[in-house]
Amino acid sequence: MTTLICGSFAFDTIMVFPDQFGRHILPDRLHILNVSFMVPTMRREFGGCAGNIAYNLIALGGKAVPMGTVGEDFLPYAQWMDRHGIARRHVTEVPGTYTAQAFITTDLDDNQITAFHPGAMGESHRNRVADAAGVTLGIVSPDGRQGMIDHARQFAEAGIPFIFDPGQGLPMFEGAELLSFVDQADYVCVNDYEAQMLATRTDVGIAKLAARTRAFIVTKGAEGSEIHAEGHVYHIPPVRADKVCDPTGCGDAYRAGLLFGLERGFDWETSGRVASLLGSLKIEHNGTQNHTIDAEAFGERFAKVFGYRLN
């Protein structure tokens, strides 16, 4: 089984503010907000949803082909992908553009302020699902607006099951469009805030949204996650990280775990636990693609945490 991962590639410039944002923002002066945060720690990472999910899924032993659009500055990322065995045959360079850029500032409470330049991501509709031969599973993750619409429709028309993961792209769509995504998708994966926004925008409650899919997955950070499937709600426990370094990219790691479970035919409780553990491993490292995954060691840690072995 090969998974086509439609989504963004981005350079993430990650900065750490060694304090709390709230101590430097006056609530009664938000209408004239003018703040500057001194960030002595800064690094540049390879990111974007397609890149992050593919990195995690391949490292775990899955088969992933990412699809996205990038700019003329992509060479360092391309070299990184080659070193880690991530296929680039469906990564399209758009002349005269930059690769998407995220500038992320995190405070000591893991709150984040992000500025995002979409760049070449806005041309993601240039790629077509049909161009990727042999695909049996997919995901539509945050990307250019038209690209997300087109790729969801193309997956559905081809009869390829896929996850709809609106993420930070959710505000781009109106209620009717979001319902169309839900109805085309086999699975929906959102965090708890996005779940509430999705319910509000569509005017359809979470239980009814879940009934329109094969599975509706809601991540809840330190509280774990819930998988609404088969008429049940499976409560997936969180995995305590050995150390907390950086939350950026944990959601993408979780989604890679779900896709791995779908590839392997795991039940929902096991798939959710794989996803939970993978997210925990990610949070133990800075950046979104700096953690290494050894399949045997992952299996041993899974057995230690959950009390049974992966088949």
C-alpha atoms as a PDB file:
ATOM      1  CA  MET A   1       0.000   0.000   0.000  1.00  0.00           C
ATOM      2  CA  THR A   2       1.334   3.431  -1.011  1.00  0.00           C
ATOM      3  CA  THR A   3       0.074   6.665   0.548  1.00  0.00           C
ATOM      4  CA  LEU A   4      -0.069   9.917  -1.422  1.00  0.00           C
ATOM      5  CA  ILE A   5       0.445  12.868   0.908  1.00  0.00           C
ATOM      6  CA  CYS A   6      -0.947  16.083  -0.547  1.00  0.00           C
ATOM      7  CA  GLY A   7       0.134  19.178   1.336  1.00  0.00           C
ATOM      8  CA  SER A   8       2.713  21.855   1.859  1.00  0.00           C
ATOM      9  CA  PHE A   9       6.475  21.999   1.979  1.00  0.00           C
ATOM     10  CA  ALA A  10       7.863  24.862   4.004  1.00  0.00           C
ATOM     11  CA  PHE A  11      10.948  26.283   5.611  1.00  0.00           C
ATOM     12  CA  ASP A  12      10.230  26.830   9.305  1.00  0.00           C
ATOM     13  CA  THR A  13      12.144  29.555  11.096  1.00  0.00           C
ATOM     14  CA  ILE A  14      11.578  28.716  14.764  1.00  0.00           C
ATOM     15  CA  MET A  15      12.335  31.164  17.554  1.00  0.00           C
ATOM     16  CA  VAL A  16      11.997  30.782  21.312  1.00  0.00           C
ATOM     17  CA  PHE A  17      10.912  33.699  23.508  1.00  0.00           C
ATOM     18  CA  PRO A  18      12.272  32.949  27.028  1.00  0.00           C
ATOM     19  CA  ASP A  19       9.216  34.324  28.815  1.00  0.00           C
ATOM     20  CA  GLN A  20       5.408  34.290  28.527  1.00  0.00           C
ATOM     21  CA  PHE A  21       3.702  36.328  25.802  1.00  0.00           C
ATOM     22  CA  GLY A  22       0.917  37.260  28.200  1.00  0.00           C
ATOM     23  CA  ARG A  23       3.297  39.218  30.451  1.00  0.00           C
ATOM     24  CA  HIS A  24       4.057  41.619  27.588  1.00  0.00           C
ATOM     25  CA  ILE A  25       0.626  42.132  26.041  1.00  0.00           C
ATOM     26  CA  LEU A  26      -1.837  44.607  27.562  1.00  0.00           C
ATOM     27  CA  PRO A  27      -5.358  43.218  27.060  1.00  0.00           C
ATOM     28  CA  ASP A  28      -6.931  46.699  27.038  1.00  0.00           C
ATOM     29  CA  ARG A  29      -4.507  47.892  24.330  1.00  0.00           C
ATOM     30  CA  LEU A  30      -4.947  45.123  21.752  1.00  0.00           C
ATOM     31  CA  HIS A  31      -6.423  47.634  19.278  1.00  0.00           C
ATOM     32  CA  ILE A  32      -3.038  49.397  19.165  1.00  0.00           C
ATOM     33  CA  LEU A  33      -0.857  46.316  19.595  1.00  0.00           C
ATOM     34  CA  ASN A  34       2.811  47.016  18.951  1.00  0.00           C
ATOM     35  CA  VAL A  35       5.131  44.491  20.553  1.00  0.00           C
ATOM     36  CA  SER A  36       8.591  43.139  19.905  1.00  0.00           C
ATOM     37  CA  PHE A  37       9.872  39.880  21.375  1.00  0.00           C
ATOM     38  CA  MET A  38      13.601  39.349  21.828  1.00  0.00           C
ATOM     39  CA  VAL A  39      14.355  35.803  20.649  1.00  0.00           C
ATOM     40  CA  PRO A  40      17.941  34.753  21.427  1.00  0.00           C
ATOM     41  CA  THR A  41      17.298  31.226  20.122  1.00  0.00           C
ATOM     42  CA  MET A  42      16.544  30.705  16.423  1.00  0.00           C
ATOM     43  CA  ARG A  43      16.906  27.845  13.974  1.00  0.00           C
ATOM     44  CA  ARG A  44      15.720  26.996  10.463  1.00  0.00           C
ATOM     45  CA  GLU A  45      14.032  23.659   9.867  1.00  0.00           C
ATOM     46  CA  PHE A  46      12.496  21.726   7.006  1.00  0.00           C
ATOM     47  CA  GLY A  47       8.740  21.533   7.490  1.00  0.00           C
ATOM     48  CA  GLY A  48       5.339  21.752   5.869  1.00  0.00           C
ATOM     49  CA  CYS A  49       2.617  19.173   6.371  1.00  0.00           C
ATOM     50  CA  ALA A  50       3.460  16.978   3.361  1.00  0.00           C
ATOM     51  CA  GLY A  51       7.154  16.946   4.222  1.00  0.00           C
ATOM     52  CA  ASN A  52       6.572  16.257   7.913  1.00  0.00           C
ATOM     53  CA  ILE A  53       4.011  13.497   7.417  1.00  0.00           C
ATOM     54  CA  ALA A  54       6.108  11.787   4.745  1.00  0.00           C
ATOM     55  CA  TYR A  55       9.225  11.945   6.924  1.00  0.00           C
ATOM     56  CA  ASN A  56       7.464  10.278   9.853  1.00  0.00           C
ATOM     57  CA  LEU A  57       5.607   7.667   7.823  1.00  0.00           C
ATOM     58  CA  ILE A  58       8.697   6.568   5.909  1.00  0.00           C
ATOM     59  CA  ALA A  59      10.814   6.485   9.080  1.00  0.00           C
ATOM     60  CA  LEU A  60       8.212   4.229  10.679  1.00  0.00           C
ATOM     61  CA  GLY A  61       8.410   1.823   7.741  1.00  0.00           C
ATOM     62  CA  GLY A  62       5.416   2.993   5.723  1.00  0.00           C
ATOM     63  CA  LYS A  63       5.272   3.847   2.035  1.00  0.00           C
ATOM     64  CA  ALA A  64       4.728   7.519   1.360  1.00  0.00           C
ATOM     65  CA  VAL A  65       4.884   9.724  -1.723  1.00  0.00           C
ATOM     66  CA  PRO A  66       4.492  13.457  -0.954  1.00  0.00           C
ATOM     67  CA  MET A  67       2.913  15.834  -3.473  1.00  0.00           C
ATOM     68  CA  GLY A  68       3.322  19.602  -3.305  1.00  0.00           C
ATOM     69  CA  THR A  69       4.583  22.772  -4.975  1.00  0.00           C
ATOM     70  CA  VAL A  70       7.810  24.548  -4.037  1.00  0.00           C
ATOM     71  CA  GLY A  71       9.837  27.594  -5.010  1.00  0.00           C
ATOM     72  CA  GLU A  72      13.212  28.255  -6.562  1.00  0.00           C
ATOM     73  CA  ASP A  73      14.872  28.176  -3.126  1.00  0.00           C
ATOM     74  CA  PHE A  74      13.995  24.513  -2.502  1.00  0.00           C
ATOM     75  CA  LEU A  75      17.422  22.945  -3.170  1.00  0.00           C
ATOM     76  CA  PRO A  76      18.525  22.453   0.478  1.00  0.00           C
ATOM     77  CA  TYR A  77      15.186  20.760   1.250  1.00  0.00           C
ATOM     78  CA  ALA A  78      15.484  18.588  -1.867  1.00  0.00           C
ATOM     79  CA  GLN A  79      18.913  17.411  -0.738  1.00  0.00           C
ATOM     80  CA  TRP A  80      17.491  16.625   2.718  1.00  0.00           C
ATOM     81  CA  MET A  81      14.703  14.545   1.157  1.00  0.00           C
ATOM     82  CA  ASP A  82      17.191  12.613  -0.973  1.00  0.00           C
ATOM     83  CA  ARG A  83      19.286  11.783   2.087  1.00  0.00           C
ATOM     84  CA  HIS A  84      16.231  10.408   3.885  1.00  0.00           C
ATOM     85  CA  GLY A  85      14.759   8.415   1.027  1.00  0.00           C
ATOM     86  CA  ILE A  86      11.727  10.648   0.470  1.00  0.00           C
ATOM     87  CA  ALA A  87      10.593  10.625  -3.165  1.00  0.00           C
ATOM     88  CA  ARG A  88      10.466  13.967  -5.008  1.00  0.00           C
ATOM     89  CA  ARG A  89       8.800  12.875  -8.246  1.00  0.00           C
ATOM     90  CA  HIS A  90       5.568  14.719  -7.367  1.00  0.00           C
ATOM     91  CA  VAL A  91       7.229  17.820  -5.938  1.00  0.00           C
ATOM     92  CA  THR A  92       6.733  20.595  -8.511  1.00  0.00           C
ATOM     93  CA  GLU A  93       8.904  23.724  -8.648  1.00  0.00           C
ATOM     94  CA  VAL A  94       7.040  26.930  -9.518  1.00  0.00           C
ATOM     95  CA  PRO A  95       9.384  29.471 -11.178  1.00  0.00           C
ATOM     96  CA  GLY A  96       9.542  32.944  -9.672  1.00  0.00           C
ATOM     97  CA  THR A  97       8.278  31.905  -6.238  1.00  0.00           C
ATOM     98  CA  TYR A  98       9.611  31.098  -2.789  1.00  0.00           C
ATOM     99  CA  THR A  99       8.863  27.848  -1.020  1.00  0.00           C
ATOM    100  CA  ALA A 100       6.282  28.460   1.722  1.00  0.00           C
ATOM    101  CA  GLN A 101       7.833  30.042   4.813  1.00  0.00           C
ATOM    102  CA  ALA A 102       6.643  29.834   8.414  1.00  0.00           C
ATOM    103  CA  PHE A 103       8.085  32.108  11.109  1.00  0.00           C
ATOM    104  CA  ILE A 104       7.157  30.587  14.467  1.00  0.00           C
ATOM    105  CA  THR A 105       7.789  32.107  17.888  1.00  0.00           C
ATOM    106  CA  THR A 106       7.137  29.907  20.924  1.00  0.00           C
ATOM    107  CA  ASP A 107       7.056  31.074  24.551  1.00  0.00           C
ATOM    108  CA  LEU A 108       7.829  29.136  27.734  1.00  0.00           C
ATOM    109  CA  ASP A 109       4.213  27.922  27.980  1.00  0.00           C
ATOM    110  CA  ASP A 110       4.392  26.467  24.446  1.00  0.00           C
ATOM    111  CA  ASN A 111       2.093  29.185  23.102  1.00  0.00           C
ATOM    112  CA  GLN A 112       2.905  30.046  19.494  1.00  0.00           C
ATOM    113  CA  ILE A 113       2.694  33.097  17.262  1.00  0.00           C
ATOM    114  CA  THR A 114       3.165  32.287  13.585  1.00  0.00           C
ATOM    115  CA  ALA A 115       3.544  34.365  10.420  1.00  0.00           C
ATOM    116  CA  PHE A 116       3.145  32.348   7.225  1.00  0.00           C
ATOM    117  CA  HIS A 117       3.990  33.175   3.608  1.00  0.00           C
ATOM    118  CA  PRO A 118       2.344  30.610   1.282  1.00  0.00           C
ATOM    119  CA  GLY A 119       4.526  31.257  -1.766  1.00  0.00           C
ATOM    120  CA  ALA A 120       4.482  28.343  -4.203  1.00  0.00           C
ATOM    121  CA  MET A 121       1.946  26.496  -2.055  1.00  0.00           C
ATOM    122  CA  GLY A 122      -0.766  28.596  -3.686  1.00  0.00           C
ATOM    123  CA  GLU A 123      -0.088  26.744  -6.940  1.00  0.00           C
ATOM    124  CA  SER A 124      -0.676  23.269  -5.507  1.00  0.00           C
ATOM    125  CA  HIS A 125      -3.584  22.712  -7.899  1.00  0.00           C
ATOM    126  CA  ARG A 126      -0.972  22.218 -10.653  1.00  0.00           C
ATOM    127  CA  ASN A 127      -0.487  18.697  -9.288  1.00  0.00           C
ATOM    128  CA  ARG A 128      -3.063  15.969  -9.877  1.00  0.00           C
ATOM    129  CA  VAL A 129      -3.746  12.806  -7.888  1.00  0.00           C
ATOM    130  CA  ALA A 130      -3.955  10.853 -11.145  1.00  0.00           C
ATOM    131  CA  ASP A 131      -0.288  11.634 -11.816  1.00  0.00           C
ATOM    132  CA  ALA A 132       0.713   9.344  -8.935  1.00  0.00           C
ATOM    133  CA  ALA A 133       0.399   5.737 -10.063  1.00  0.00           C
ATOM    134  CA  GLY A 134      -0.241   2.884  -7.654  1.00  0.00           C
ATOM    135  CA  VAL A 135      -1.648   4.971  -4.818  1.00  0.00           C
ATOM    136  CA  THR A 136      -4.071   3.167  -2.496  1.00  0.00           C
ATOM    137  CA  LEU A 137      -4.419   5.664   0.374  1.00  0.00           C
ATOM    138  CA  GLY A 138      -4.167   9.422   0.682  1.00  0.00           C
ATOM    139  CA  ILE A 139      -4.374  12.511   2.827  1.00  0.00           C
ATOM    140  CA  VAL A 140      -5.384  16.069   1.959  1.00  0.00           C
ATOM    141  CA  SER A 141      -3.507  18.220   4.462  1.00  0.00           C
ATOM    142  CA  PRO A 142      -3.170  22.033   4.617  1.00  0.00           C
ATOM    143  CA  ASP A 143      -2.169  23.359   1.219  1.00  0.00           C
ATOM    144  CA  GLY A 144      -3.308  25.914  -1.351  1.00  0.00           C
ATOM    145  CA  ARG A 145      -7.084  26.400  -1.300  1.00  0.00           C
ATOM    146  CA  GLN A 146      -7.778  25.218  -4.843  1.00  0.00           C
ATOM    147  CA  GLY A 147      -5.312  22.377  -4.496  1.00  0.00           C
ATOM    148  CA  MET A 148      -7.127  21.043  -1.428  1.00  0.00           C
ATOM    149  CA  ILE A 149     -10.482  21.222  -3.224  1.00  0.00           C
ATOM    150  CA  ASP A 150      -9.140  19.547  -6.367  1.00  0.00           C
ATOM    151  CA  HIS A 151      -7.195  16.803  -4.608  1.00  0.00           C
ATOM    152  CA  ALA A 152     -10.122  15.823  -2.378  1.00  0.00           C
ATOM    153  CA  ARG A 153     -12.361  15.547  -5.430  1.00  0.00           C
ATOM    154  CA  GLN A 154      -9.722  13.594  -7.349  1.00  0.00           C
ATOM    155  CA  PHE A 155      -9.223  11.105  -4.508  1.00  0.00           C
ATOM    156  CA  ALA A 156     -12.994  10.601  -4.273  1.00  0.00           C
ATOM    157  CA  GLU A 157     -13.437  10.192  -8.033  1.00  0.00           C
ATOM    158  CA  ALA A 158     -10.608   7.658  -8.138  1.00  0.00           C
ATOM    159  CA  GLY A 159     -12.109   5.703  -5.240  1.00  0.00           C
ATOM    160  CA  ILE A 160      -8.965   6.151  -3.148  1.00  0.00           C
ATOM    161  CA  PRO A 161      -9.722   6.384   0.594  1.00  0.00           C
ATOM    162  CA  PHE A 162      -8.221   9.480   2.183  1.00  0.00           C
ATOM    163  CA  ILE A 163      -7.973  11.548   5.348  1.00  0.00           C
ATOM    164  CA  PHE A 164      -9.195  15.148   5.274  1.00  0.00           C
ATOM    165  CA  ASP A 165      -6.915  17.181   7.552  1.00  0.00           C
ATOM    166  CA  PRO A 166      -7.913  20.859   7.247  1.00  0.00           C
ATOM    167  CA  GLY A 167      -5.547  22.116   9.951  1.00  0.00           C
ATOM    168  CA  GLN A 168      -4.636  25.764   9.645  1.00  0.00           C
ATOM    169  CA  GLY A 169      -6.322  25.811   6.220  1.00  0.00           C
ATOM    170  CA  LEU A 170      -9.780  25.442   7.766  1.00  0.00           C
ATOM    171  CA  PRO A 171     -10.559  29.210   7.854  1.00  0.00           C
ATOM    172  CA  MET A 172     -10.228  29.339   4.038  1.00  0.00           C
ATOM    173  CA  PHE A 173     -13.478  27.419   3.572  1.00  0.00           C
ATOM    174  CA  GLU A 174     -17.159  28.127   4.142  1.00  0.00           C
ATOM    175  CA  GLY A 175     -19.528  25.654   5.755  1.00  0.00           C
ATOM    176  CA  ALA A 176     -20.823  24.086   2.537  1.00  0.00           C
ATOM    177  CA  GLU A 177     -17.285  23.558   1.267  1.00  0.00           C
ATOM    178  CA  LEU A 178     -16.229  21.929   4.520  1.00  0.00           C
ATOM    179  CA  LEU A 179     -19.217  19.580   4.406  1.00  0.00           C
ATOM    180  CA  SER A 180     -18.218  18.643   0.873  1.00  0.00           C
ATOM    181  CA  PHE A 181     -14.746  17.722   2.129  1.00  0.00           C
ATOM    182  CA  VAL A 182     -16.232  15.661   4.954  1.00  0.00           C
ATOM    183  CA  ASP A 183     -18.595  13.814   2.635  1.00  0.00           C
ATOM    184  CA  GLN A 184     -15.870  13.026   0.112  1.00  0.00           C
ATOM    185  CA  ALA A 185     -13.354  11.881   2.724  1.00  0.00           C
ATOM    186  CA  ASP A 186     -13.277   8.500   4.401  1.00  0.00           C
ATOM    187  CA  TYR A 187     -11.611   9.923   7.506  1.00  0.00           C
ATOM    188  CA  VAL A 188     -11.354  13.374   9.103  1.00  0.00           C
ATOM    189  CA  CYS A 189      -8.581  14.348  11.525  1.00  0.00           C
ATOM    190  CA  VAL A 190      -8.669  17.614  13.496  1.00  0.00           C
ATOM    191  CA  ASN A 191      -7.568  18.948  16.851  1.00  0.00           C
ATOM    192  CA  ASP A 192     -10.183  19.847  19.454  1.00  0.00           C
ATOM    193  CA  TYR A 193     -10.262  23.533  18.483  1.00  0.00           C
ATOM    194  CA  GLU A 194     -10.615  22.688  14.793  1.00  0.00           C
ATOM    195  CA  ALA A 195     -13.380  20.194  15.613  1.00  0.00           C
ATOM    196  CA  GLN A 196     -15.400  22.931  17.274  1.00  0.00           C
ATOM    197  CA  MET A 197     -14.722  25.357  14.423  1.00  0.00           C
ATOM    198  CA  LEU A 198     -15.738  22.707  11.892  1.00  0.00           C
ATOM    199  CA  ALA A 199     -18.977  22.062  13.788  1.00  0.00           C
ATOM    200  CA  THR A 200     -19.697  25.784  14.038  1.00  0.00           C
ATOM    201  CA  ARG A 201     -18.999  26.567  10.391  1.00  0.00           C
ATOM    202  CA  THR A 202     -21.018  23.638   9.070  1.00  0.00           C
ATOM    203  CA  ASP A 203     -23.762  23.937  11.714  1.00  0.00           C
ATOM    204  CA  VAL A 204     -23.441  20.172  12.187  1.00  0.00           C
ATOM    205  CA  GLY A 205     -22.523  18.680  15.566  1.00  0.00           C
ATOM    206  CA  ILE A 206     -19.425  16.564  15.987  1.00  0.00           C
ATOM    207  CA  ALA A 207     -21.412  13.350  16.477  1.00  0.00           C
ATOM    208  CA  LYS A 208     -23.291  13.942  13.221  1.00  0.00           C
ATOM    209  CA  LEU A 209     -20.104  14.889  11.387  1.00  0.00           C
ATOM    210  CA  ALA A 210     -18.543  11.653  12.621  1.00  0.00           C
ATOM    211  CA  ALA A 211     -21.535   9.693  11.335  1.00  0.00           C
ATOM    212  CA  ARG A 212     -20.785  10.967   7.821  1.00  0.00           C
ATOM    213  CA  THR A 213     -17.290   9.382   7.857  1.00  0.00           C
ATOM    214  CA  ARG A 214     -15.661   6.043   8.507  1.00  0.00           C
ATOM    215  CA  ALA A 215     -13.698   7.698  11.317  1.00  0.00           C
ATOM    216  CA  PHE A 216     -13.560  11.176  12.852  1.00  0.00           C
ATOM    217  CA  ILE A 217     -10.384  11.726  14.852  1.00  0.00           C
ATOM    218  CA  VAL A 218      -9.976  14.530  17.392  1.00  0.00           C
ATOM    219  CA  THR A 219      -6.612  15.165  19.048  1.00  0.00           C
ATOM    220  CA  LYS A 220      -6.627  16.819  22.462  1.00  0.00           C
ATOM    221  CA  GLY A 221      -2.998  17.476  23.293  1.00  0.00           C
ATOM    222  CA  ALA A 222      -2.031  16.269  26.753  1.00  0.00           C
ATOM    223  CA  GLU A 223      -5.482  14.663  27.135  1.00  0.00           C
ATOM    224  CA  GLY A 224      -4.830  12.213  24.310  1.00  0.00           C
ATOM    225  CA  SER A 225      -7.278  11.807  21.441  1.00  0.00           C
ATOM    226  CA  GLU A 226     -10.676  10.428  20.486  1.00  0.00           C
ATOM    227  CA  ILE A 227     -11.561   8.332  17.469  1.00  0.00           C
ATOM    228  CA  HIS A 228     -15.240   8.256  16.541  1.00  0.00           C
ATOM    229  CA  ALA A 229     -15.664   5.120  14.429  1.00  0.00           C
ATOM    230  CA  GLU A 230     -17.885   2.070  14.034  1.00  0.00           C
ATOM    231  CA  GLY A 231     -20.511   3.595  16.310  1.00  0.00           C
ATOM    232  CA  HIS A 232     -18.026   3.934  19.176  1.00  0.00           C
ATOM    233  CA  VAL A 233     -15.746   6.581  20.627  1.00  0.00           C
ATOM    234  CA  TYR A 234     -12.289   5.151  21.239  1.00  0.00           C
ATOM    235  CA  HIS A 235     -10.376   7.109  23.884  1.00  0.00           C
ATOM    236  CA  ILE A 236      -6.682   7.052  23.046  1.00  0.00           C
ATOM    237  CA  PRO A 237      -4.400   7.821  25.987  1.00  0.00           C
ATOM    238  CA  PRO A 238      -1.522  10.278  25.645  1.00  0.00           C
ATOM    239  CA  VAL A 239       2.049   9.043  25.869  1.00  0.00           C
ATOM    240  CA  ARG A 240       4.187  10.924  28.349  1.00  0.00           C
ATOM    241  CA  ALA A 241       7.293  12.282  26.635  1.00  0.00           C
ATOM    242  CA  ASP A 242      10.649  11.647  28.301  1.00  0.00           C
ATOM    243  CA  LYS A 243      11.307  15.362  27.804  1.00  0.00           C
ATOM    244  CA  VAL A 244       9.342  18.185  26.199  1.00  0.00           C
ATOM    245  CA  CYS A 245      11.412  20.142  23.679  1.00  0.00           C
ATOM    246  CA  ASP A 246       9.166  21.408  20.885  1.00  0.00           C
ATOM    247  CA  PRO A 247       5.467  20.842  20.076  1.00  0.00           C
ATOM    248  CA  THR A 248       5.829  21.959  16.453  1.00  0.00           C
ATOM    249  CA  GLY A 249       4.973  19.105  14.087  1.00  0.00           C
ATOM    250  CA  CYS A 250       3.419  16.780  16.664  1.00  0.00           C
ATOM    251  CA  GLY A 251       0.102  16.839  14.822  1.00  0.00           C
ATOM    252  CA  ASP A 252       1.795  15.795  11.592  1.00  0.00           C
ATOM    253  CA  ALA A 253       3.566  12.948  13.388  1.00  0.00           C
ATOM    254  CA  TYR A 254       0.207  11.830  14.816  1.00  0.00           C
ATOM    255  CA  ARG A 255      -1.320  11.785  11.328  1.00  0.00           C
ATOM    256  CA  ALA A 256       1.599   9.744  10.025  1.00  0.00           C
ATOM    257  CA  GLY A 257       0.873   7.216  12.770  1.00  0.00           C
ATOM    258  CA  LEU A 258      -2.765   7.015  11.684  1.00  0.00           C
ATOM    259  CA  LEU A 259      -1.733   6.443   8.081  1.00  0.00           C
ATOM    260  CA  PHE A 260       0.703   3.737   9.181  1.00  0.00           C
ATOM    261  CA  GLY A 261      -2.108   2.014  11.060  1.00  0.00           C
ATOM    262  CA  LEU A 262      -4.355   2.199   8.004  1.00  0.00           C
ATOM    263  CA  GLU A 263      -1.577   0.829   5.798  1.00  0.00           C
ATOM    264  CA  ARG A 264      -1.067  -2.105   8.161  1.00  0.00           C
ATOM    265  CA  GLY A 265      -4.763  -2.761   8.792  1.00  0.00           C
ATOM    266  CA  PHE A 266      -4.575  -2.123  12.540  1.00  0.00           C
ATOM    267  CA  ASP A 267      -7.766  -1.627  14.551  1.00  0.00           C
ATOM    268  CA  TRP A 268      -8.577   1.936  15.575  1.00  0.00           C
ATOM    269  CA  GLU A 269      -7.331   1.615  19.139  1.00  0.00           C
ATOM    270  CA  THR A 270      -3.945   0.374  17.948  1.00  0.00           C
ATOM    271  CA  SER A 271      -3.716   2.946  15.153  1.00  0.00           C
ATOM    272  CA  GLY A 272      -4.474   5.708  17.638  1.00  0.00           C
ATOM    273  CA  ARG A 273      -1.846   4.418  20.042  1.00  0.00           C
ATOM    274  CA  VAL A 274       0.786   4.284  17.279  1.00  0.00           C
ATOM    275  CA  ALA A 275      -0.116   7.881  16.410  1.00  0.00           C
ATOM    276  CA  SER A 276       0.025   8.959  20.057  1.00  0.00           C
ATOM    277  CA  LEU A 277       3.454   7.409  20.590  1.00  0.00           C
ATOM    278  CA  LEU A 278       4.830   8.891  17.380  1.00  0.00           C
ATOM    279  CA  GLY A 279       3.644  12.345  18.415  1.00  0.00           C
ATOM    280  CA  SER A 280       5.321  11.893  21.788  1.00  0.00           C
ATOM    281  CA  LEU A 281       8.606  10.891  20.163  1.00  0.00           C
ATOM    282  CA  LYS A 282       8.469  14.022  18.024  1.00  0.00           C
ATOM    283  CA  ILE A 283       7.910  16.351  20.981  1.00  0.00           C
ATOM    284  CA  GLU A 284      11.143  15.073  22.535  1.00  0.00           C
ATOM    285  CA  HIS A 285      13.125  16.771  19.755  1.00  0.00           C
ATOM    286  CA  ASN A 286      13.403  20.281  18.354  1.00  0.00           C
ATOM    287  CA  GLY A 287      12.096  20.789  14.836  1.00  0.00           C
ATOM    288  CA  THR A 288       9.699  18.665  12.844  1.00  0.00           C
ATOM    289  CA  GLN A 289      12.091  16.244  11.120  1.00  0.00           C
ATOM    290  CA  ASN A 290      15.026  15.858  13.510  1.00  0.00           C
ATOM    291  CA  HIS A 291      13.880  12.777  15.406  1.00  0.00           C
ATOM    292  CA  THR A 292      14.969   9.334  14.292  1.00  0.00           C
ATOM    293  CA  ILE A 293      12.720   6.295  14.432  1.00  0.00           C
ATOM    294  CA  ASP A 294      13.996   2.745  14.714  1.00  0.00           C
ATOM    295  CA  ALA A 295      11.165   0.337  13.943  1.00  0.00           C
ATOM    296  CA  GLU A 296      12.341  -2.277  16.435  1.00  0.00           C
ATOM    297  CA  ALA A 297      12.859   0.263  19.218  1.00  0.00           C
ATOM    298  CA  PHE A 298       9.477   1.811  18.432  1.00  0.00           C
ATOM    299  CA  GLY A 299       7.838  -1.610  18.783  1.00  0.00           C
ATOM    300  CA  GLU A 300       9.554  -2.201  22.118  1.00  0.00           C
ATOM    301  CA  ARG A 301       8.461   1.180  23.467  1.00  0.00           C
ATOM    302  CA  PHE A 302       4.921   0.585  22.225  1.00  0.00           C
ATOM    303  CA  ALA A 303       4.805  -2.737  24.111  1.00  0.00           C
ATOM    304  CA  LYS A 304       6.210  -1.117  27.251  1.00  0.00           C
ATOM    305  CA  VAL A 305       3.688   1.750  27.198  1.00  0.00           C
ATOM    306  CA  PHE A 306       0.557  -0.104  26.112  1.00  0.00           C
ATOM    307  CA  GLY A 307       1.181  -3.646  27.311  1.00  0.00           C
ATOM    308  CA  TYR A 308       0.927  -5.461  23.985  1.00  0.00           C
ATOM    309  CA  ARG A 309       2.951  -5.810  20.809  1.00  0.00           C
ATOM    310  CA  LEU A 310       2.262  -4.568  17.317  1.00  0.00           C
ATOM    311  CA  ASN A 311       1.602  -7.369  14.852  1.00  0.00           C
END
